[in-house]
Amino acid sequence: ANKRDALNRMKMQAASEVGVTLRSGYNGNLTSKQAGSIGGQMVKRMIEAYSNGSK
């Protein structure tokens, strides 16, 4: 899988963790709060992955 697929999987997992339902494709119906929660969760996971990989 390429990097875009990996990010999409991470996005779907993050959305699930914060309780937001995402459809594939356009998700313009999300509130800023929902989108921010998903993005924040993704950043948190990326930082954890980087920290674990750099030890």
Protein backbone atom coordinates (compact mmCIF):
# COMPACT_ATOMS: atom_id res chain seq x y z
CA ALA A 1 0.00 0.00 0.00
CA ASN A 2 1.16 3.50 -0.67
CA LYS A 3 1.46 6.39 1.76
CA ARG A 4 -1.94 7.84 0.84
CA ASP A 5 -3.66 4.54 1.65
CA ALA A 6 -1.82 4.35 4.97
CA LEU A 7 -2.93 7.89 5.88
CA ASN A 8 -6.51 7.10 4.91
CA ARG A 9 -6.46 4.03 7.15
CA MET A 10 -5.05 6.12 9.99
CA LYS A 11 -7.74 8.76 9.41
CA MET A 12 -10.52 6.17 9.51
CA GLN A 13 -9.10 4.64 12.71
CA ALA A 14 -8.72 8.07 14.33
CA ALA A 15 -12.30 8.98 13.39
CA SER A 16 -13.55 5.73 14.88
CA GLU A 17 -11.63 6.36 18.10
CA VAL A 18 -13.16 9.82 18.57
CA GLY A 19 -16.65 8.64 17.57
CA VAL A 20 -16.98 10.34 14.18
CA THR A 21 -18.40 8.47 11.18
CA LEU A 22 -16.49 9.10 7.95
CA ARG A 23 -17.60 8.17 4.46
CA SER A 24 -15.08 7.47 1.75
CA GLY A 25 -14.64 10.53 -0.42
CA TYR A 26 -15.87 13.99 0.53
CA ASN A 27 -16.80 14.64 4.16
CA GLY A 28 -17.86 18.29 3.98
CA ASN A 29 -20.65 17.61 6.46
CA LEU A 30 -18.18 17.41 9.38
CA THR A 31 -18.07 20.22 11.90
CA SER A 32 -14.76 21.94 12.60
CA LYS A 33 -14.77 20.31 16.02
CA GLN A 34 -15.14 16.82 14.49
CA ALA A 35 -12.47 17.43 11.85
CA GLY A 36 -10.13 18.86 14.49
CA SER A 37 -10.65 15.85 16.74
CA ILE A 38 -9.73 13.51 13.90
CA GLY A 39 -6.67 15.57 12.94
CA GLY A 40 -5.54 15.83 16.54
CA GLN A 41 -5.81 12.08 17.02
CA MET A 42 -3.81 11.50 13.82
CA VAL A 43 -1.04 13.87 14.97
CA LYS A 44 -0.95 12.17 18.36
CA ARG A 45 -0.46 8.77 16.66
CA MET A 46 2.23 10.14 14.32
CA ILE A 47 4.17 11.58 17.26
CA GLU A 48 3.88 8.28 19.14
CA ALA A 49 5.05 6.33 16.08
CA TYR A 50 8.02 8.68 15.59
CA SER A 51 8.96 8.52 19.27
CA ASN A 52 8.79 4.72 19.30
CA GLY A 53 10.82 4.48 16.10
CA SER A 54 13.58 6.82 17.20
CA LYS A 55 14.43 4.98 20.43
